[in-house]
Amino acid sequence: MIEADSCEAVDPEQSQPGPRPCAVQTCERRAVSRGWCHGHYLRWSRSGDVNPAVPLARLTARTCGVPDCGRPLHSRGLCRTHVGRLRSHGDAAPAVAVRPTSAGGSISHGYRKVVVPAELLHLTGGEAYVLEHRLVMAGVLGRALRQGEVVHHRNGDRLDNRPSNLELWSVDQPKGQRVHDKVQYALEILRTYAPGHLHPECGNRETKVPGDLE
């Protein structure tokens, strides 16, 4: 039999492992990935060396502990995004860029999305969160974009949404390749975008072209 006094009581709280310190001996931060704190992990991921002799930038009390993050502190010394990663995956993934935000919106596939002010909702068909370049073009036109209309960036920079850098394109095409179809589509384009170039008699009727059957 095992004597009762041979068994030692264990404090459940003391049995739980506490936060591990950073593997860099001179660092007092908590380890979050590969045994390092956010700062030393980020150094290693970028250069392959944690450079323990070089001090990390001092943390401020109001910003995320991930170097170069700068987002407001949420909990555990991290911003909302990094602490969410830590809770979900066990790693704050400091080397993975956080999607940047701008003007109350965000960057999606290289394009900026913004919140539409209430006074401009008529330019978006009531949509409250749209791509900025489409909103800018709608403002230039003074109307919402039509189906089949897209906005092209002249210089290829998707974040350069100056009106002078934007062009209105159309992706619509004729239903067929017959001459009759192309002529009628040309008239439709003129009625939509340049009605002043149409002869008054051609404004609202189909036009007979050579080769049409009687």
N, C-alpha and C. Protein backbone atom coordinates (compact mmCIF):
# COMPACT_ATOMS: atom_id res chain seq x y z
N MET A 1 0.83 -1.20 0.00
CA MET A 1 0.00 0.00 0.00
C MET A 1 0.87 1.25 0.00
N ILE A 2 0.35 2.31 -0.63
CA ILE A 2 1.06 3.59 -0.64
C ILE A 2 0.57 4.42 0.52
N GLU A 3 1.50 4.82 1.37
CA GLU A 3 1.11 5.61 2.53
C GLU A 3 0.62 6.97 2.08
N ALA A 4 -0.35 7.46 2.82
CA ALA A 4 -0.99 8.72 2.45
C ALA A 4 -0.01 9.87 2.40
N ASP A 5 1.01 9.83 3.39
CA ASP A 5 1.92 10.97 3.42
C ASP A 5 3.00 10.90 2.35
N SER A 6 2.95 9.81 1.53
CA SER A 6 3.92 9.72 0.44
C SER A 6 3.46 10.47 -0.79
N CYS A 7 2.20 10.87 -0.81
CA CYS A 7 1.64 11.60 -1.95
C CYS A 7 1.62 13.09 -1.62
N GLU A 8 2.22 13.90 -2.47
CA GLU A 8 2.24 15.33 -2.25
C GLU A 8 1.12 16.00 -3.03
N ALA A 9 0.45 16.90 -2.38
CA ALA A 9 -0.60 17.64 -3.06
C ALA A 9 0.02 18.58 -4.08
N VAL A 10 -0.64 18.69 -5.25
CA VAL A 10 -0.14 19.54 -6.33
C VAL A 10 -1.11 20.68 -6.54
N ASP A 11 -0.60 21.87 -6.54
CA ASP A 11 -1.42 23.04 -6.79
C ASP A 11 -1.71 23.11 -8.29
N PRO A 12 -3.00 23.01 -8.69
CA PRO A 12 -3.32 23.02 -10.14
C PRO A 12 -2.78 24.24 -10.85
N GLU A 13 -2.78 25.40 -10.14
CA GLU A 13 -2.31 26.60 -10.81
C GLU A 13 -0.81 26.55 -11.06
N GLN A 14 -0.07 25.93 -10.09
CA GLN A 14 1.38 25.84 -10.28
C GLN A 14 1.75 24.82 -11.34
N SER A 15 0.83 23.88 -11.61
CA SER A 15 1.13 22.85 -12.61
C SER A 15 0.97 23.37 -14.03
N GLN A 16 0.29 24.52 -14.20
CA GLN A 16 0.09 25.05 -15.53
C GLN A 16 1.35 25.77 -15.99
N PRO A 17 1.83 25.48 -17.19
CA PRO A 17 3.03 26.16 -17.67
C PRO A 17 2.77 27.63 -17.87
N GLY A 18 3.69 28.46 -17.43
CA GLY A 18 3.53 29.90 -17.59
C GLY A 18 4.11 30.36 -18.92
N PRO A 19 4.00 31.65 -19.21
CA PRO A 19 4.55 32.18 -20.46
C PRO A 19 6.05 31.96 -20.53
N ARG A 20 6.53 31.54 -21.68
CA ARG A 20 7.96 31.33 -21.84
C ARG A 20 8.64 32.63 -22.20
N PRO A 21 9.80 32.89 -21.61
CA PRO A 21 10.53 34.10 -22.00
C PRO A 21 11.19 33.90 -23.35
N CYS A 22 11.54 34.98 -23.98
CA CYS A 22 12.25 34.94 -25.26
C CYS A 22 13.58 34.20 -25.09
N ALA A 23 13.95 33.44 -26.12
CA ALA A 23 15.18 32.65 -26.05
C ALA A 23 16.43 33.53 -26.02
N VAL A 24 16.30 34.79 -26.41
CA VAL A 24 17.43 35.71 -26.31
C VAL A 24 17.58 36.09 -24.84
N GLN A 25 18.70 35.77 -24.23
CA GLN A 25 18.87 35.90 -22.78
C GLN A 25 18.70 37.32 -22.28
N THR A 26 19.05 38.28 -23.07
CA THR A 26 18.95 39.67 -22.61
C THR A 26 17.57 40.28 -22.86
N CYS A 27 16.65 39.48 -23.42
CA CYS A 27 15.31 39.98 -23.75
C CYS A 27 14.32 39.56 -22.67
N GLU A 28 13.47 40.46 -22.23
CA GLU A 28 12.50 40.18 -21.20
C GLU A 28 11.10 39.97 -21.76
N ARG A 29 10.96 39.93 -23.05
CA ARG A 29 9.64 39.78 -23.66
C ARG A 29 9.21 38.31 -23.69
N ARG A 30 7.92 38.12 -23.93
CA ARG A 30 7.37 36.78 -23.95
C ARG A 30 7.57 36.14 -25.32
N ALA A 31 7.92 34.86 -25.33
CA ALA A 31 8.11 34.13 -26.59
C ALA A 31 6.75 33.83 -27.21
N VAL A 32 6.66 34.01 -28.52
CA VAL A 32 5.40 33.73 -29.21
C VAL A 32 5.61 32.84 -30.43
N SER A 33 6.81 32.77 -30.97
CA SER A 33 7.04 31.96 -32.16
C SER A 33 8.49 31.49 -32.21
N ARG A 34 8.70 30.17 -32.35
CA ARG A 34 10.03 29.56 -32.43
C ARG A 34 10.89 29.90 -31.21
N GLY A 35 10.26 30.17 -30.09
CA GLY A 35 10.98 30.47 -28.87
C GLY A 35 11.43 31.91 -28.74
N TRP A 36 11.09 32.76 -29.71
CA TRP A 36 11.48 34.16 -29.66
C TRP A 36 10.26 35.06 -29.46
N CYS A 37 10.52 36.27 -29.03
CA CYS A 37 9.47 37.28 -28.96
C CYS A 37 9.19 37.76 -30.39
N HIS A 38 8.21 38.63 -30.54
CA HIS A 38 7.84 39.13 -31.86
C HIS A 38 9.01 39.82 -32.56
N GLY A 39 9.70 40.68 -31.80
CA GLY A 39 10.78 41.45 -32.41
C GLY A 39 11.92 40.59 -32.91
N HIS A 40 12.37 39.64 -32.11
CA HIS A 40 13.48 38.79 -32.53
C HIS A 40 13.05 37.79 -33.62
N TYR A 41 11.80 37.35 -33.54
CA TYR A 41 11.31 36.47 -34.61
C TYR A 41 11.28 37.22 -35.95
N LEU A 42 10.84 38.47 -35.89
CA LEU A 42 10.78 39.26 -37.12
C LEU A 42 12.16 39.49 -37.70
N ARG A 43 13.14 39.75 -36.83
CA ARG A 43 14.52 39.89 -37.31
C ARG A 43 15.00 38.62 -38.00
N TRP A 44 14.72 37.49 -37.35
CA TRP A 44 15.18 36.22 -37.92
C TRP A 44 14.51 35.94 -39.26
N SER A 45 13.20 36.22 -39.34
CA SER A 45 12.47 35.93 -40.58
C SER A 45 12.95 36.80 -41.74
N ARG A 46 13.46 38.00 -41.42
CA ARG A 46 13.89 38.92 -42.47
C ARG A 46 15.35 38.73 -42.87
N SER A 47 16.19 38.41 -41.86
CA SER A 47 17.62 38.36 -42.16
C SER A 47 18.29 37.04 -41.83
N GLY A 48 17.58 36.14 -41.10
CA GLY A 48 18.17 34.88 -40.72
C GLY A 48 19.02 34.97 -39.47
N ASP A 49 19.00 36.12 -38.79
CA ASP A 49 19.80 36.33 -37.58
C ASP A 49 19.01 37.20 -36.62
N VAL A 50 18.91 36.77 -35.36
CA VAL A 50 18.15 37.56 -34.38
C VAL A 50 18.95 38.75 -33.86
N ASN A 51 20.27 38.78 -34.12
CA ASN A 51 21.12 39.89 -33.66
C ASN A 51 20.88 40.21 -32.19
N PRO A 52 21.17 39.26 -31.28
CA PRO A 52 20.85 39.47 -29.86
C PRO A 52 21.58 40.65 -29.24
N ALA A 53 22.70 41.07 -29.82
CA ALA A 53 23.45 42.18 -29.24
C ALA A 53 22.82 43.53 -29.54
N VAL A 54 21.90 43.56 -30.51
CA VAL A 54 21.26 44.83 -30.90
C VAL A 54 19.92 44.93 -30.18
N PRO A 55 19.74 45.90 -29.30
CA PRO A 55 18.48 46.02 -28.55
C PRO A 55 17.30 46.27 -29.48
N LEU A 56 16.15 45.74 -29.10
CA LEU A 56 14.93 46.03 -29.83
C LEU A 56 14.43 47.41 -29.45
N ALA A 57 13.63 47.98 -30.34
CA ALA A 57 13.04 49.27 -30.02
C ALA A 57 12.13 49.11 -28.82
N ARG A 58 12.13 50.09 -27.96
CA ARG A 58 11.35 50.02 -26.74
C ARG A 58 9.86 50.07 -27.06
N LEU A 59 9.10 49.18 -26.45
CA LEU A 59 7.65 49.15 -26.66
C LEU A 59 6.99 50.35 -26.00
N THR A 60 5.97 50.86 -26.64
CA THR A 60 5.17 51.90 -26.02
C THR A 60 3.95 51.26 -25.40
N ALA A 61 3.33 51.95 -24.50
CA ALA A 61 2.21 51.36 -23.75
C ALA A 61 0.93 51.31 -24.55
N ARG A 62 0.89 52.01 -25.69
CA ARG A 62 -0.39 52.12 -26.40
C ARG A 62 -0.38 51.50 -27.79
N THR A 63 0.73 50.92 -28.20
CA THR A 63 0.79 50.34 -29.53
C THR A 63 1.15 48.86 -29.46
N CYS A 64 0.88 48.17 -30.56
CA CYS A 64 1.13 46.73 -30.65
C CYS A 64 2.61 46.42 -30.43
N GLY A 65 2.87 45.28 -29.79
CA GLY A 65 4.23 44.87 -29.50
C GLY A 65 5.00 44.36 -30.70
N VAL A 66 4.34 44.16 -31.84
CA VAL A 66 5.04 43.72 -33.05
C VAL A 66 5.75 44.92 -33.65
N PRO A 67 7.08 44.86 -33.80
CA PRO A 67 7.81 45.99 -34.37
C PRO A 67 7.26 46.40 -35.73
N ASP A 68 7.21 47.69 -35.94
CA ASP A 68 6.73 48.29 -37.20
C ASP A 68 5.24 48.13 -37.41
N CYS A 69 4.51 47.63 -36.41
CA CYS A 69 3.06 47.50 -36.57
C CYS A 69 2.41 48.85 -36.33
N GLY A 70 2.55 49.38 -35.13
CA GLY A 70 2.04 50.71 -34.84
C GLY A 70 0.55 50.80 -34.62
N ARG A 71 -0.16 49.65 -34.68
CA ARG A 71 -1.61 49.68 -34.48
C ARG A 71 -1.94 49.76 -32.99
N PRO A 72 -3.12 50.27 -32.66
CA PRO A 72 -3.48 50.44 -31.25
C PRO A 72 -3.44 49.13 -30.47
N LEU A 73 -3.02 49.23 -29.23
CA LEU A 73 -2.95 48.07 -28.34
C LEU A 73 -4.35 47.56 -28.03
N HIS A 74 -4.52 46.23 -28.10
CA HIS A 74 -5.82 45.63 -27.78
C HIS A 74 -5.73 44.79 -26.51
N SER A 75 -4.89 43.77 -26.50
CA SER A 75 -4.67 42.94 -25.32
C SER A 75 -3.40 42.11 -25.52
N ARG A 76 -2.86 41.59 -24.42
CA ARG A 76 -1.64 40.77 -24.46
C ARG A 76 -0.47 41.50 -25.11
N GLY A 77 -0.50 42.80 -25.07
CA GLY A 77 0.59 43.56 -25.67
C GLY A 77 0.54 43.63 -27.18
N LEU A 78 -0.60 43.25 -27.77
CA LEU A 78 -0.72 43.20 -29.22
C LEU A 78 -1.95 43.96 -29.69
N CYS A 79 -1.98 44.28 -30.99
CA CYS A 79 -3.16 44.89 -31.58
C CYS A 79 -4.22 43.81 -31.80
N ARG A 80 -5.40 44.23 -32.23
CA ARG A 80 -6.51 43.29 -32.42
C ARG A 80 -6.17 42.20 -33.44
N THR A 81 -5.51 42.57 -34.53
CA THR A 81 -5.17 41.60 -35.57
C THR A 81 -4.18 40.57 -35.09
N HIS A 82 -3.09 41.01 -34.46
CA HIS A 82 -2.05 40.07 -34.03
C HIS A 82 -2.51 39.20 -32.86
N VAL A 83 -3.29 39.76 -31.95
CA VAL A 83 -3.77 38.92 -30.85
C VAL A 83 -4.80 37.92 -31.37
N GLY A 84 -5.55 38.29 -32.40
CA GLY A 84 -6.49 37.36 -33.00
C GLY A 84 -5.76 36.19 -33.66
N ARG A 85 -4.64 36.48 -34.33
CA ARG A 85 -3.83 35.41 -34.92
C ARG A 85 -3.28 34.49 -33.83
N LEU A 86 -2.82 35.11 -32.73
CA LEU A 86 -2.24 34.33 -31.65
C LEU A 86 -3.27 33.40 -31.04
N ARG A 87 -4.48 33.87 -30.85
CA ARG A 87 -5.53 33.05 -30.25
C ARG A 87 -5.99 31.93 -31.19
N SER A 88 -6.07 32.25 -32.47
CA SER A 88 -6.58 31.26 -33.44
C SER A 88 -5.55 30.23 -33.85
N HIS A 89 -4.29 30.66 -33.98
CA HIS A 89 -3.26 29.77 -34.54
C HIS A 89 -2.08 29.53 -33.61
N GLY A 90 -2.08 30.18 -32.45
CA GLY A 90 -0.96 30.00 -31.54
C GLY A 90 0.27 30.77 -31.95
N ASP A 91 0.17 31.61 -32.95
CA ASP A 91 1.31 32.36 -33.46
C ASP A 91 0.79 33.69 -34.01
N ALA A 92 1.37 34.78 -33.57
CA ALA A 92 0.93 36.09 -34.05
C ALA A 92 1.37 36.38 -35.48
N ALA A 93 2.23 35.51 -36.02
CA ALA A 93 2.71 35.65 -37.40
C ALA A 93 3.16 37.08 -37.70
N PRO A 94 4.14 37.59 -36.96
CA PRO A 94 4.56 38.98 -37.16
C PRO A 94 5.15 39.26 -38.54
N ALA A 95 5.65 38.23 -39.21
CA ALA A 95 6.25 38.45 -40.52
C ALA A 95 5.20 38.58 -41.62
N VAL A 96 3.95 38.21 -41.32
CA VAL A 96 2.87 38.30 -42.31
C VAL A 96 2.25 39.68 -42.22
N ALA A 97 2.27 40.41 -43.32
CA ALA A 97 1.77 41.77 -43.32
C ALA A 97 0.28 41.82 -43.00
N VAL A 98 -0.10 42.83 -42.25
CA VAL A 98 -1.51 43.08 -41.98
C VAL A 98 -2.05 43.95 -43.09
N ARG A 99 -3.24 43.62 -43.58
CA ARG A 99 -3.82 44.40 -44.66
C ARG A 99 -3.94 45.86 -44.24
N PRO A 100 -3.33 46.76 -44.99
CA PRO A 100 -3.35 48.17 -44.60
C PRO A 100 -4.73 48.79 -44.75
N THR A 101 -4.97 49.82 -43.98
CA THR A 101 -6.24 50.53 -44.06
C THR A 101 -5.99 51.96 -44.50
N SER A 102 -6.98 52.55 -45.10
CA SER A 102 -6.83 53.92 -45.57
C SER A 102 -8.19 54.57 -45.71
N ALA A 103 -8.30 55.79 -45.24
CA ALA A 103 -9.51 56.59 -45.40
C ALA A 103 -10.75 55.84 -44.97
N GLY A 104 -10.67 55.13 -43.86
CA GLY A 104 -11.83 54.41 -43.36
C GLY A 104 -12.11 53.14 -44.13
N GLY A 105 -11.22 52.75 -45.02
CA GLY A 105 -11.44 51.56 -45.82
C GLY A 105 -10.28 50.61 -45.74
N SER A 106 -10.03 49.88 -46.84
CA SER A 106 -8.97 48.89 -46.83
C SER A 106 -8.47 48.66 -48.24
N ILE A 107 -7.43 47.84 -48.36
CA ILE A 107 -6.88 47.49 -49.65
C ILE A 107 -7.31 46.06 -49.98
N SER A 108 -7.93 45.88 -51.14
CA SER A 108 -8.40 44.57 -51.57
C SER A 108 -7.89 44.29 -52.98
N HIS A 109 -7.03 43.28 -53.13
CA HIS A 109 -6.47 42.91 -54.43
C HIS A 109 -5.78 44.10 -55.09
N GLY A 110 -5.16 44.94 -54.29
CA GLY A 110 -4.43 46.07 -54.82
C GLY A 110 -5.26 47.33 -55.01
N TYR A 111 -6.57 47.24 -54.85
CA TYR A 111 -7.46 48.39 -55.01
C TYR A 111 -7.90 48.89 -53.63
N ARG A 112 -8.09 50.20 -53.52
CA ARG A 112 -8.56 50.77 -52.25
C ARG A 112 -10.09 50.76 -52.21
N LYS A 113 -10.63 50.25 -51.10
CA LYS A 113 -12.08 50.29 -50.87
C LYS A 113 -12.34 51.31 -49.77
N VAL A 114 -13.39 52.09 -49.96
CA VAL A 114 -13.68 53.16 -49.01
C VAL A 114 -15.16 53.15 -48.62
N VAL A 115 -15.43 53.78 -47.49
CA VAL A 115 -16.79 53.98 -47.04
C VAL A 115 -17.37 55.17 -47.81
N VAL A 116 -18.57 55.00 -48.34
CA VAL A 116 -19.19 56.06 -49.15
C VAL A 116 -19.95 57.02 -48.23
N PRO A 117 -19.63 58.30 -48.29
CA PRO A 117 -20.39 59.28 -47.50
C PRO A 117 -21.86 59.25 -47.89
N ALA A 118 -22.72 59.57 -46.95
CA ALA A 118 -24.16 59.51 -47.20
C ALA A 118 -24.58 60.36 -48.38
N GLU A 119 -23.91 61.51 -48.56
CA GLU A 119 -24.31 62.42 -49.64
C GLU A 119 -23.88 61.91 -51.02
N LEU A 120 -23.07 60.83 -51.08
CA LEU A 120 -22.62 60.30 -52.37
C LEU A 120 -23.22 58.93 -52.68
N LEU A 121 -24.14 58.46 -51.87
CA LEU A 121 -24.72 57.13 -52.09
C LEU A 121 -25.44 57.03 -53.43
N HIS A 122 -25.91 58.16 -53.95
CA HIS A 122 -26.60 58.12 -55.25
C HIS A 122 -25.64 57.77 -56.38
N LEU A 123 -24.33 57.92 -56.13
CA LEU A 123 -23.33 57.58 -57.16
C LEU A 123 -22.95 56.10 -57.14
N THR A 124 -23.42 55.36 -56.14
CA THR A 124 -23.05 53.94 -56.02
C THR A 124 -24.27 53.03 -56.00
N GLY A 125 -25.44 53.59 -56.30
CA GLY A 125 -26.64 52.77 -56.25
C GLY A 125 -27.01 52.35 -54.84
N GLY A 126 -26.54 53.12 -53.85
CA GLY A 126 -26.86 52.81 -52.46
C GLY A 126 -25.81 51.97 -51.76
N GLU A 127 -24.78 51.49 -52.49
CA GLU A 127 -23.74 50.69 -51.84
C GLU A 127 -22.90 51.58 -50.93
N ALA A 128 -22.66 51.10 -49.71
CA ALA A 128 -21.98 51.92 -48.71
C ALA A 128 -20.48 51.68 -48.64
N TYR A 129 -19.96 50.67 -49.34
CA TYR A 129 -18.54 50.33 -49.27
C TYR A 129 -18.10 49.88 -50.65
N VAL A 130 -17.36 50.71 -51.37
CA VAL A 130 -17.05 50.44 -52.77
C VAL A 130 -15.58 50.69 -53.07
N LEU A 131 -15.16 50.28 -54.26
CA LEU A 131 -13.82 50.57 -54.74
C LEU A 131 -13.70 52.07 -55.02
N GLU A 132 -12.64 52.66 -54.50
CA GLU A 132 -12.50 54.11 -54.59
C GLU A 132 -12.44 54.62 -56.02
N HIS A 133 -11.74 53.89 -56.91
CA HIS A 133 -11.62 54.39 -58.28
C HIS A 133 -12.97 54.44 -59.00
N ARG A 134 -13.88 53.53 -58.65
CA ARG A 134 -15.21 53.56 -59.26
C ARG A 134 -16.03 54.74 -58.70
N LEU A 135 -15.84 55.01 -57.42
CA LEU A 135 -16.54 56.15 -56.82
C LEU A 135 -16.04 57.46 -57.42
N VAL A 136 -14.73 57.57 -57.63
CA VAL A 136 -14.17 58.78 -58.22
C VAL A 136 -14.72 58.98 -59.63
N MET A 137 -14.74 57.93 -60.43
CA MET A 137 -15.25 58.05 -61.79
C MET A 137 -16.73 58.40 -61.80
N ALA A 138 -17.49 57.81 -60.89
CA ALA A 138 -18.92 58.14 -60.80
C ALA A 138 -19.10 59.62 -60.48
N GLY A 139 -18.21 60.15 -59.62
CA GLY A 139 -18.28 61.57 -59.31
C GLY A 139 -17.96 62.43 -60.52
N VAL A 140 -17.00 62.00 -61.34
CA VAL A 140 -16.66 62.74 -62.55
C VAL A 140 -17.84 62.75 -63.52
N LEU A 141 -18.51 61.60 -63.64
CA LEU A 141 -19.64 61.47 -64.57
C LEU A 141 -20.90 62.10 -64.02
N GLY A 142 -20.98 62.19 -62.68
CA GLY A 142 -22.20 62.71 -62.06
C GLY A 142 -23.32 61.70 -62.02
N ARG A 143 -22.98 60.43 -62.12
CA ARG A 143 -23.98 59.35 -62.10
C ARG A 143 -23.32 58.05 -61.69
N ALA A 144 -24.13 57.07 -61.32
CA ALA A 144 -23.60 55.75 -61.00
C ALA A 144 -23.11 55.06 -62.27
N LEU A 145 -22.10 54.22 -62.15
CA LEU A 145 -21.60 53.48 -63.30
C LEU A 145 -22.65 52.47 -63.76
N ARG A 146 -22.73 52.29 -65.07
CA ARG A 146 -23.68 51.35 -65.64
C ARG A 146 -23.09 49.95 -65.68
N GLN A 147 -23.96 48.97 -65.86
CA GLN A 147 -23.50 47.60 -66.01
C GLN A 147 -22.61 47.50 -67.25
N GLY A 148 -21.47 46.85 -67.11
CA GLY A 148 -20.55 46.72 -68.23
C GLY A 148 -19.49 47.80 -68.28
N GLU A 149 -19.59 48.81 -67.40
CA GLU A 149 -18.58 49.87 -67.37
C GLU A 149 -17.52 49.55 -66.31
N VAL A 150 -16.27 49.69 -66.67
CA VAL A 150 -15.16 49.48 -65.75
C VAL A 150 -14.26 50.70 -65.80
N VAL A 151 -13.43 50.85 -64.78
CA VAL A 151 -12.54 52.00 -64.68
C VAL A 151 -11.10 51.52 -64.77
N HIS A 152 -10.34 52.08 -65.70
CA HIS A 152 -8.96 51.67 -65.96
C HIS A 152 -8.00 52.72 -65.43
N HIS A 153 -6.89 52.26 -64.80
CA HIS A 153 -5.84 53.16 -64.33
C HIS A 153 -4.82 53.35 -65.45
N ARG A 154 -4.64 54.55 -65.90
CA ARG A 154 -3.74 54.84 -67.02
C ARG A 154 -2.31 54.39 -66.75
N ASN A 155 -1.79 54.67 -65.55
CA ASN A 155 -0.39 54.37 -65.26
C ASN A 155 -0.19 53.00 -64.61
N GLY A 156 -1.25 52.24 -64.45
CA GLY A 156 -1.15 50.90 -63.89
C GLY A 156 -1.13 50.85 -62.38
N ASP A 157 -1.07 52.00 -61.71
CA ASP A 157 -1.06 52.05 -60.25
C ASP A 157 -2.49 52.02 -59.75
N ARG A 158 -2.90 50.91 -59.13
CA ARG A 158 -4.28 50.76 -58.70
C ARG A 158 -4.66 51.66 -57.53
N LEU A 159 -3.67 52.26 -56.89
CA LEU A 159 -3.96 53.16 -55.77
C LEU A 159 -3.91 54.63 -56.18
N ASP A 160 -3.57 54.89 -57.43
CA ASP A 160 -3.55 56.28 -57.92
C ASP A 160 -4.92 56.60 -58.51
N ASN A 161 -5.79 57.11 -57.67
CA ASN A 161 -7.18 57.32 -58.08
C ASN A 161 -7.49 58.79 -58.38
N ARG A 162 -6.50 59.51 -58.86
CA ARG A 162 -6.75 60.85 -59.35
C ARG A 162 -7.62 60.77 -60.60
N PRO A 163 -8.57 61.67 -60.77
CA PRO A 163 -9.41 61.62 -61.97
C PRO A 163 -8.61 61.60 -63.26
N SER A 164 -7.48 62.32 -63.29
CA SER A 164 -6.66 62.36 -64.51
C SER A 164 -6.01 61.03 -64.83
N ASN A 165 -5.95 60.11 -63.85
CA ASN A 165 -5.34 58.80 -64.07
C ASN A 165 -6.37 57.73 -64.39
N LEU A 166 -7.63 58.10 -64.46
CA LEU A 166 -8.70 57.12 -64.66
C LEU A 166 -9.34 57.27 -66.02
N GLU A 167 -9.69 56.13 -66.62
CA GLU A 167 -10.40 56.10 -67.90
C GLU A 167 -11.63 55.22 -67.77
N LEU A 168 -12.71 55.63 -68.39
CA LEU A 168 -13.93 54.82 -68.41
C LEU A 168 -13.86 53.84 -69.58
N TRP A 169 -13.96 52.57 -69.28
CA TRP A 169 -13.96 51.53 -70.29
C TRP A 169 -15.30 50.81 -70.28
N SER A 170 -15.61 50.15 -71.37
CA SER A 170 -16.81 49.33 -71.47
C SER A 170 -16.43 47.93 -71.92
N VAL A 171 -16.99 46.92 -71.25
CA VAL A 171 -16.68 45.53 -71.61
C VAL A 171 -17.80 44.89 -72.41
N ASP A 172 -18.85 45.65 -72.70
CA ASP A 172 -19.95 45.12 -73.50
C ASP A 172 -19.49 44.88 -74.94
N GLN A 173 -20.09 43.89 -75.60
CA GLN A 173 -19.77 43.58 -76.98
C GLN A 173 -21.06 43.24 -77.72
N PRO A 174 -21.06 43.40 -79.06
CA PRO A 174 -22.25 43.02 -79.83
C PRO A 174 -22.56 41.54 -79.66
N LYS A 175 -23.83 41.19 -79.78
CA LYS A 175 -24.22 39.79 -79.64
C LYS A 175 -23.71 38.95 -80.79
N GLY A 176 -23.53 39.55 -81.97
CA GLY A 176 -23.04 38.80 -83.13
C GLY A 176 -21.98 39.58 -83.85
N GLN A 177 -21.52 39.04 -84.99
CA GLN A 177 -20.48 39.69 -85.77
C GLN A 177 -21.00 40.14 -87.14
N ARG A 178 -22.30 40.08 -87.37
CA ARG A 178 -22.84 40.57 -88.63
C ARG A 178 -22.67 42.08 -88.70
N VAL A 179 -22.54 42.60 -89.92
CA VAL A 179 -22.40 44.04 -90.09
C VAL A 179 -23.57 44.76 -89.46
N HIS A 180 -24.78 44.22 -89.65
CA HIS A 180 -25.97 44.83 -89.09
C HIS A 180 -25.85 44.96 -87.57
N ASP A 181 -25.37 43.88 -86.91
CA ASP A 181 -25.23 43.91 -85.44
C ASP A 181 -24.23 44.97 -85.00
N LYS A 182 -23.12 45.06 -85.74
CA LYS A 182 -22.09 46.02 -85.35
C LYS A 182 -22.56 47.46 -85.54
N VAL A 183 -23.27 47.71 -86.62
CA VAL A 183 -23.78 49.06 -86.86
C VAL A 183 -24.77 49.45 -85.78
N GLN A 184 -25.69 48.54 -85.45
CA GLN A 184 -26.68 48.84 -84.42
C GLN A 184 -26.02 49.04 -83.07
N TYR A 185 -24.95 48.29 -82.80
CA TYR A 185 -24.25 48.45 -81.53
C TYR A 185 -23.51 49.78 -81.50
N ALA A 186 -22.95 50.18 -82.64
CA ALA A 186 -22.28 51.48 -82.73
C ALA A 186 -23.27 52.61 -82.43
N LEU A 187 -24.47 52.48 -82.96
CA LEU A 187 -25.49 53.50 -82.67
C LEU A 187 -25.86 53.51 -81.19
N GLU A 188 -25.92 52.32 -80.61
CA GLU A 188 -26.25 52.24 -79.17
C GLU A 188 -25.17 52.92 -78.33
N ILE A 189 -23.90 52.71 -78.70
CA ILE A 189 -22.80 53.35 -77.98
C ILE A 189 -22.90 54.86 -78.09
N LEU A 190 -23.20 55.35 -79.31
CA LEU A 190 -23.32 56.79 -79.51
C LEU A 190 -24.49 57.37 -78.72
N ARG A 191 -25.63 56.65 -78.70
CA ARG A 191 -26.78 57.15 -77.93
C ARG A 191 -26.44 57.25 -76.45
N THR A 192 -25.60 56.32 -75.96
CA THR A 192 -25.27 56.29 -74.53
C THR A 192 -24.22 57.31 -74.15
N TYR A 193 -23.15 57.42 -74.96
CA TYR A 193 -22.00 58.23 -74.55
C TYR A 193 -21.79 59.51 -75.37
N ALA A 194 -22.31 59.57 -76.58
CA ALA A 194 -22.08 60.77 -77.41
C ALA A 194 -23.28 61.03 -78.31
N PRO A 195 -24.45 61.28 -77.73
CA PRO A 195 -25.66 61.48 -78.55
C PRO A 195 -25.54 62.68 -79.48
N GLY A 196 -24.68 63.64 -79.17
CA GLY A 196 -24.52 64.81 -80.03
C GLY A 196 -23.91 64.49 -81.37
N HIS A 197 -23.29 63.29 -81.49
CA HIS A 197 -22.67 62.91 -82.75
C HIS A 197 -23.65 62.21 -83.69
N LEU A 198 -24.86 61.98 -83.23
CA LEU A 198 -25.86 61.31 -84.05
C LEU A 198 -26.68 62.32 -84.83
N HIS A 199 -27.03 61.96 -86.06
CA HIS A 199 -27.97 62.77 -86.82
C HIS A 199 -29.34 62.64 -86.16
N PRO A 200 -30.09 63.71 -86.07
CA PRO A 200 -31.40 63.64 -85.41
C PRO A 200 -32.30 62.52 -85.91
N GLU A 201 -32.20 62.17 -87.19
CA GLU A 201 -33.06 61.13 -87.75
C GLU A 201 -32.61 59.73 -87.33
N CYS A 202 -31.37 59.60 -86.79
CA CYS A 202 -30.85 58.29 -86.41
C CYS A 202 -30.93 58.04 -84.91
N GLY A 203 -31.45 59.03 -84.20
CA GLY A 203 -31.39 58.92 -82.76
C GLY A 203 -32.10 57.73 -82.16
N ASN A 204 -33.31 57.42 -82.63
CA ASN A 204 -34.09 56.38 -81.96
C ASN A 204 -34.66 55.35 -82.92
N ARG A 205 -33.98 55.11 -84.01
CA ARG A 205 -34.47 54.09 -84.91
C ARG A 205 -33.30 53.26 -85.44
N GLU A 206 -33.63 52.04 -85.89
CA GLU A 206 -32.59 51.21 -86.48
C GLU A 206 -32.24 51.72 -87.86
N THR A 207 -31.06 51.47 -88.31
CA THR A 207 -30.57 51.95 -89.59
C THR A 207 -30.33 50.77 -90.54
N LYS A 208 -30.86 50.90 -91.77
CA LYS A 208 -30.64 49.87 -92.77
C LYS A 208 -29.21 49.99 -93.28
N VAL A 209 -28.55 48.85 -93.42
CA VAL A 209 -27.18 48.84 -93.92
C VAL A 209 -27.12 47.92 -95.13
N PRO A 210 -26.12 48.10 -96.01
CA PRO A 210 -25.99 47.24 -97.20
C PRO A 210 -25.91 45.77 -96.79
N GLY A 211 -26.67 44.96 -97.52
CA GLY A 211 -26.62 43.53 -97.23
C GLY A 211 -27.82 43.05 -96.42
N ASP A 212 -28.62 44.00 -95.86
CA ASP A 212 -29.82 43.61 -95.12
C ASP A 212 -30.84 43.04 -96.08
N LEU A 213 -31.55 42.00 -95.63
CA LEU A 213 -32.63 41.45 -96.43
C LEU A 213 -33.89 42.27 -96.24
N GLU A 214 -34.64 42.45 -97.33
CA GLU A 214 -35.90 43.20 -97.24
C GLU A 214 -36.93 42.35 -96.49
